[in-house]
Amino acid sequence: MFSKKMLWGSLIALVLLTGTSGVTLAEMPAHSSEQTSQFQRIEQPLGLKVGVAIAGLAFIGLELWWFLLYKSPES
């Protein structure tokens, strides 16, 4: 089974790898009258973005706890 030290090390490494990636996202062009795309950008409120991010992290944490740390009762 995983030790706590190994688990924390893996989680920290994952955060560092995903947080410091060199990938940059392309920006959408400014609003212009010559837009040819049928889709328009909809700006989301900051509170909604933060809430979705926190909920996602909570679900990831719950899954990690369930698969790595949860011990079923002995039958």
N, C-alpha and C. Protein backbone atom coordinates (compact mmCIF):
# COMPACT_ATOMS: atom_id res chain seq x y z
N MET A 1 0.85 -1.19 0.00
CA MET A 1 0.00 0.00 0.00
C MET A 1 0.88 1.24 0.00
N PHE A 2 0.31 2.34 -0.35
CA PHE A 2 1.04 3.60 -0.42
C PHE A 2 1.28 4.16 0.98
N SER A 3 2.45 4.70 1.19
CA SER A 3 2.69 5.41 2.44
C SER A 3 2.24 6.85 2.27
N LYS A 4 2.01 7.52 3.38
CA LYS A 4 1.56 8.91 3.32
C LYS A 4 2.61 9.79 2.66
N LYS A 5 3.88 9.50 2.95
CA LYS A 5 4.96 10.30 2.37
C LYS A 5 4.97 10.15 0.84
N MET A 6 4.77 8.95 0.35
CA MET A 6 4.76 8.71 -1.09
C MET A 6 3.54 9.36 -1.73
N LEU A 7 2.40 9.29 -1.07
CA LEU A 7 1.18 9.89 -1.59
C LEU A 7 1.33 11.41 -1.69
N TRP A 8 1.82 12.04 -0.63
CA TRP A 8 2.00 13.49 -0.66
C TRP A 8 3.04 13.90 -1.70
N GLY A 9 4.10 13.13 -1.83
CA GLY A 9 5.11 13.43 -2.83
C GLY A 9 4.55 13.34 -4.24
N SER A 10 3.73 12.33 -4.48
CA SER A 10 3.12 12.18 -5.80
C SER A 10 2.15 13.32 -6.10
N LEU A 11 1.36 13.71 -5.11
CA LEU A 11 0.42 14.81 -5.31
C LEU A 11 1.14 16.12 -5.58
N ILE A 12 2.21 16.38 -4.83
CA ILE A 12 2.97 17.61 -5.04
C ILE A 12 3.63 17.61 -6.41
N ALA A 13 4.17 16.48 -6.82
CA ALA A 13 4.78 16.38 -8.15
C ALA A 13 3.74 16.61 -9.24
N LEU A 14 2.56 16.07 -9.07
CA LEU A 14 1.49 16.26 -10.06
C LEU A 14 1.10 17.73 -10.16
N VAL A 15 0.98 18.39 -9.02
CA VAL A 15 0.63 19.82 -9.02
C VAL A 15 1.72 20.63 -9.70
N LEU A 16 2.97 20.33 -9.40
CA LEU A 16 4.07 21.07 -10.01
C LEU A 16 4.14 20.84 -11.51
N LEU A 17 3.90 19.61 -11.94
CA LEU A 17 3.95 19.32 -13.37
C LEU A 17 2.82 19.99 -14.13
N THR A 18 1.63 19.98 -13.58
CA THR A 18 0.50 20.57 -14.28
C THR A 18 0.49 22.09 -14.14
N GLY A 19 1.01 22.60 -13.05
CA GLY A 19 0.98 24.04 -12.82
C GLY A 19 2.05 24.80 -13.56
N THR A 20 3.12 24.14 -13.96
CA THR A 20 4.23 24.85 -14.60
C THR A 20 4.43 24.41 -16.04
N SER A 21 3.37 23.88 -16.65
CA SER A 21 3.53 23.45 -18.03
C SER A 21 3.74 24.66 -18.93
N GLY A 22 4.45 24.47 -20.02
CA GLY A 22 4.76 25.56 -20.93
C GLY A 22 3.70 25.78 -21.99
N VAL A 23 2.54 25.19 -21.81
CA VAL A 23 1.49 25.32 -22.81
C VAL A 23 0.79 26.66 -22.60
N THR A 24 0.65 27.41 -23.67
CA THR A 24 -0.08 28.67 -23.59
C THR A 24 -1.33 28.55 -24.43
N LEU A 25 -2.39 29.10 -23.93
CA LEU A 25 -3.66 29.04 -24.65
C LEU A 25 -3.76 30.19 -25.62
N ALA A 26 -4.29 29.92 -26.78
CA ALA A 26 -4.48 30.98 -27.76
C ALA A 26 -5.63 31.87 -27.32
N GLU A 27 -5.44 33.16 -27.48
CA GLU A 27 -6.49 34.09 -27.11
C GLU A 27 -7.47 34.25 -28.26
N MET A 28 -8.71 34.48 -27.90
CA MET A 28 -9.71 34.72 -28.92
C MET A 28 -9.53 36.14 -29.44
N PRO A 29 -9.80 36.37 -30.68
CA PRO A 29 -9.67 37.72 -31.21
C PRO A 29 -10.66 38.67 -30.55
N ALA A 30 -10.31 39.92 -30.54
CA ALA A 30 -11.20 40.93 -29.96
C ALA A 30 -12.50 41.00 -30.76
N HIS A 31 -13.53 41.50 -30.12
CA HIS A 31 -14.82 41.61 -30.81
C HIS A 31 -14.66 42.54 -32.01
N SER A 32 -14.96 42.01 -33.15
CA SER A 32 -14.87 42.83 -34.36
C SER A 32 -16.09 42.55 -35.23
N SER A 33 -16.30 43.42 -36.16
CA SER A 33 -17.46 43.26 -37.03
C SER A 33 -17.22 42.18 -38.08
N GLU A 34 -15.97 41.73 -38.21
CA GLU A 34 -15.63 40.74 -39.23
C GLU A 34 -15.55 39.32 -38.67
N GLN A 35 -16.24 39.05 -37.57
CA GLN A 35 -16.20 37.70 -37.00
C GLN A 35 -16.88 36.73 -37.95
N THR A 36 -16.16 35.64 -38.26
CA THR A 36 -16.74 34.63 -39.13
C THR A 36 -17.21 33.42 -38.35
N SER A 37 -16.88 33.35 -37.08
CA SER A 37 -17.26 32.20 -36.28
C SER A 37 -18.72 32.30 -35.87
N GLN A 38 -19.37 31.17 -35.76
CA GLN A 38 -20.77 31.18 -35.33
C GLN A 38 -20.89 31.18 -33.81
N PHE A 39 -19.76 31.01 -33.11
CA PHE A 39 -19.77 30.98 -31.66
C PHE A 39 -19.26 32.31 -31.11
N GLN A 40 -19.84 32.72 -30.00
CA GLN A 40 -19.39 33.94 -29.34
C GLN A 40 -18.96 33.60 -27.94
N ARG A 41 -17.98 34.33 -27.47
CA ARG A 41 -17.45 34.10 -26.12
C ARG A 41 -18.44 34.63 -25.10
N ILE A 42 -18.71 33.83 -24.08
CA ILE A 42 -19.58 34.24 -22.98
C ILE A 42 -18.70 34.32 -21.74
N GLU A 43 -18.60 35.48 -21.16
CA GLU A 43 -17.77 35.67 -19.98
C GLU A 43 -18.51 35.13 -18.75
N GLN A 44 -17.84 34.28 -18.00
CA GLN A 44 -18.45 33.69 -16.81
C GLN A 44 -18.03 34.49 -15.57
N PRO A 45 -18.91 34.62 -14.58
CA PRO A 45 -18.55 35.33 -13.35
C PRO A 45 -17.42 34.61 -12.61
N LEU A 46 -16.57 35.38 -11.95
CA LEU A 46 -15.43 34.81 -11.23
C LEU A 46 -15.89 33.83 -10.15
N GLY A 47 -16.97 34.16 -9.45
CA GLY A 47 -17.48 33.27 -8.41
C GLY A 47 -17.84 31.89 -8.94
N LEU A 48 -18.42 31.86 -10.13
CA LEU A 48 -18.78 30.58 -10.75
C LEU A 48 -17.53 29.79 -11.11
N LYS A 49 -16.52 30.46 -11.66
CA LYS A 49 -15.27 29.79 -12.01
C LYS A 49 -14.61 29.19 -10.77
N VAL A 50 -14.57 29.97 -9.70
CA VAL A 50 -13.96 29.49 -8.46
C VAL A 50 -14.76 28.33 -7.88
N GLY A 51 -16.08 28.43 -7.91
CA GLY A 51 -16.93 27.36 -7.38
C GLY A 51 -16.75 26.06 -8.14
N VAL A 52 -16.68 26.15 -9.46
CA VAL A 52 -16.49 24.94 -10.27
C VAL A 52 -15.12 24.34 -10.00
N ALA A 53 -14.10 25.18 -9.87
CA ALA A 53 -12.75 24.68 -9.60
C ALA A 53 -12.69 23.99 -8.23
N ILE A 54 -13.31 24.59 -7.22
CA ILE A 54 -13.31 23.99 -5.87
C ILE A 54 -14.09 22.67 -5.87
N ALA A 55 -15.23 22.63 -6.56
CA ALA A 55 -16.00 21.39 -6.63
C ALA A 55 -15.21 20.29 -7.33
N GLY A 56 -14.51 20.64 -8.40
CA GLY A 56 -13.69 19.66 -9.11
C GLY A 56 -12.58 19.11 -8.24
N LEU A 57 -11.90 20.00 -7.51
CA LEU A 57 -10.83 19.55 -6.61
C LEU A 57 -11.39 18.69 -5.48
N ALA A 58 -12.59 19.03 -5.00
CA ALA A 58 -13.22 18.22 -3.95
C ALA A 58 -13.53 16.81 -4.47
N PHE A 59 -14.04 16.71 -5.68
CA PHE A 59 -14.33 15.39 -6.25
C PHE A 59 -13.05 14.59 -6.49
N ILE A 60 -12.00 15.25 -6.94
CA ILE A 60 -10.72 14.56 -7.12
C ILE A 60 -10.20 14.04 -5.79
N GLY A 61 -10.28 14.88 -4.75
CA GLY A 61 -9.85 14.46 -3.42
C GLY A 61 -10.68 13.29 -2.90
N LEU A 62 -11.98 13.34 -3.14
CA LEU A 62 -12.86 12.25 -2.70
C LEU A 62 -12.51 10.95 -3.42
N GLU A 63 -12.22 11.03 -4.71
CA GLU A 63 -11.84 9.83 -5.44
C GLU A 63 -10.51 9.27 -4.95
N LEU A 64 -9.54 10.14 -4.70
CA LEU A 64 -8.26 9.68 -4.17
C LEU A 64 -8.44 9.01 -2.82
N TRP A 65 -9.25 9.63 -1.95
CA TRP A 65 -9.50 9.03 -0.64
C TRP A 65 -10.18 7.67 -0.81
N TRP A 66 -11.17 7.59 -1.67
CA TRP A 66 -11.92 6.34 -1.85
C TRP A 66 -11.04 5.20 -2.35
N PHE A 67 -10.22 5.47 -3.36
CA PHE A 67 -9.44 4.40 -3.97
C PHE A 67 -8.14 4.09 -3.24
N LEU A 68 -7.57 5.06 -2.53
CA LEU A 68 -6.27 4.84 -1.90
C LEU A 68 -6.34 4.66 -0.39
N LEU A 69 -7.26 5.32 0.26
CA LEU A 69 -7.23 5.34 1.73
C LEU A 69 -8.40 4.64 2.41
N TYR A 70 -9.49 4.44 1.69
CA TYR A 70 -10.68 3.83 2.30
C TYR A 70 -10.43 2.36 2.57
N LYS A 71 -10.70 1.94 3.79
CA LYS A 71 -10.54 0.53 4.15
C LYS A 71 -11.93 -0.04 4.43
N SER A 72 -12.28 -1.08 3.69
CA SER A 72 -13.59 -1.68 3.90
C SER A 72 -13.61 -2.44 5.22
N PRO A 73 -14.78 -2.49 5.87
CA PRO A 73 -14.89 -3.23 7.12
C PRO A 73 -14.62 -4.72 6.91
N GLU A 74 -13.93 -5.31 7.84
CA GLU A 74 -13.62 -6.73 7.77
C GLU A 74 -14.89 -7.53 7.95
N SER A 75 -15.15 -8.50 7.09
CA SER A 75 -16.37 -9.32 7.17
C SER A 75 -16.14 -10.54 8.02
